[in-house]
Amino acid sequence: MSTIEGSGFIYRKVPAAPANHAKLMIIDDELYVVGSGNLYPGHLSEFNYVVEGKKAVEELIAEYWQQVWKYSSPHVFPKLNQDLYCSSGNANQTKNIL
């Protein structure tokens, strides 16, 4: 542990998993799309690259995907005490979605 000079706070450097917010699609092992684009229309500018070629996909998987995959884990939905509802278009109507 170290003390940040003059602050009085104690901190410890902890190795962290790499952060990733990029959207990535690998299609038929023949091309990939990577960028900031979400799969819904939005008001922000989005930017995506399309890269074609089996060799390029193999390099992406080996040098990027396999590295970040080591830090992945399954998403677990918490147990809900009540049903989750969403609006079906009319303010007085709801439907059970879980």
Protein backbone atom coordinates (compact mmCIF):
# COMPACT_ATOMS: atom_id res chain seq x y z
CA MET A 1 0.00 0.00 0.00
CA SER A 2 1.07 3.56 -0.65
CA THR A 3 -0.05 6.93 0.63
CA ILE A 4 -0.94 9.51 -2.00
CA GLU A 5 1.41 12.32 -1.24
CA GLY A 6 -0.21 15.03 0.88
CA SER A 7 -3.75 13.63 0.65
CA GLY A 8 -3.84 11.24 3.56
CA PHE A 9 -5.65 8.64 1.43
CA ILE A 10 -4.31 5.13 1.28
CA TYR A 11 -4.68 3.24 -1.98
CA ARG A 12 -3.65 -0.10 -3.35
CA LYS A 13 -3.14 -0.83 -7.02
CA VAL A 14 -5.41 -3.69 -8.01
CA PRO A 15 -5.13 -5.29 -11.42
CA ALA A 16 -8.32 -4.69 -13.35
CA ALA A 17 -9.94 -6.47 -16.24
CA PRO A 18 -9.83 -4.59 -19.52
CA ALA A 19 -12.82 -2.36 -20.12
CA ASN A 20 -14.78 -2.85 -23.30
CA HIS A 21 -17.78 -0.97 -24.61
CA ALA A 22 -17.25 -1.65 -28.31
CA LYS A 23 -19.91 -3.50 -30.19
CA LEU A 24 -18.52 -6.45 -32.13
CA MET A 25 -20.17 -8.82 -34.60
CA ILE A 26 -18.33 -11.68 -36.26
CA ILE A 27 -20.29 -12.93 -39.26
CA ASP A 28 -19.71 -16.42 -40.68
CA ASP A 29 -15.98 -16.20 -39.84
CA GLU A 30 -15.68 -14.08 -43.01
CA LEU A 31 -16.03 -10.51 -41.75
CA TYR A 32 -16.45 -8.50 -38.59
CA VAL A 33 -18.06 -5.21 -37.67
CA VAL A 34 -16.69 -3.25 -34.73
CA GLY A 35 -17.62 0.19 -33.49
CA SER A 36 -19.79 2.30 -31.27
CA GLY A 37 -23.12 1.63 -32.99
CA ASN A 38 -25.97 0.26 -30.92
CA LEU A 39 -28.57 -1.99 -32.48
CA TYR A 40 -31.29 0.64 -32.18
CA PRO A 41 -31.78 4.07 -33.71
CA GLY A 42 -30.42 6.83 -31.52
CA HIS A 43 -29.59 10.49 -31.57
CA LEU A 44 -25.81 10.15 -31.19
CA SER A 45 -23.31 9.81 -33.99
CA GLU A 46 -22.07 6.26 -34.31
CA PHE A 47 -19.01 4.92 -36.10
CA ASN A 48 -18.38 1.36 -37.25
CA TYR A 49 -15.71 -0.46 -39.24
CA VAL A 50 -16.45 -3.42 -41.47
CA VAL A 51 -13.42 -5.65 -42.01
CA GLU A 52 -13.59 -8.50 -44.53
CA GLY A 53 -11.41 -11.58 -44.83
CA LYS A 54 -11.03 -14.89 -43.05
CA LYS A 55 -7.44 -14.06 -42.00
CA ALA A 56 -8.54 -10.73 -40.48
CA VAL A 57 -11.26 -12.51 -38.50
CA GLU A 58 -8.79 -15.14 -37.27
CA GLU A 59 -6.40 -12.38 -36.11
CA LEU A 60 -9.22 -10.52 -34.33
CA ILE A 61 -10.29 -13.67 -32.49
CA ALA A 62 -6.72 -14.59 -31.47
CA GLU A 63 -5.43 -11.14 -30.55
CA TYR A 64 -8.55 -9.47 -29.15
CA TRP A 65 -11.57 -11.69 -28.56
CA GLN A 66 -9.82 -14.52 -26.74
CA GLN A 67 -8.09 -11.98 -24.48
CA VAL A 68 -11.28 -10.20 -23.37
CA TRP A 69 -13.28 -13.45 -23.24
CA LYS A 70 -11.11 -14.57 -20.30
CA TYR A 71 -12.73 -11.83 -18.22
CA SER A 72 -16.32 -12.58 -19.22
CA SER A 73 -18.93 -14.24 -17.05
CA PRO A 74 -22.55 -15.26 -17.48
CA HIS A 75 -25.14 -12.62 -16.77
CA VAL A 76 -27.46 -13.73 -13.99
CA PHE A 77 -30.82 -12.06 -13.53
CA PRO A 78 -31.59 -11.50 -9.85
CA LYS A 79 -34.61 -13.28 -8.46
CA LEU A 80 -37.48 -10.85 -8.47
CA ASN A 81 -40.01 -10.72 -5.66
CA GLN A 82 -42.67 -9.50 -8.04
CA ASP A 83 -43.39 -9.79 -11.72
CA LEU A 84 -41.81 -7.32 -14.08
CA TYR A 85 -44.28 -5.38 -16.19
CA CYS A 86 -43.99 -3.12 -19.18
CA SER A 87 -46.46 -0.81 -20.86
CA SER A 88 -48.19 -2.22 -23.92
CA GLY A 89 -48.98 1.18 -25.42
CA ASN A 90 -52.08 2.02 -23.39
CA ALA A 91 -51.47 3.55 -19.97
CA ASN A 92 -54.00 1.19 -18.34
CA GLN A 93 -52.70 -2.01 -19.92
CA THR A 94 -49.61 -3.93 -18.87
CA LYS A 95 -48.33 -7.37 -19.72
CA ASN A 96 -46.11 -9.75 -17.83
CA ILE A 97 -42.74 -10.05 -19.58
CA LEU A 98 -40.95 -12.36 -17.14
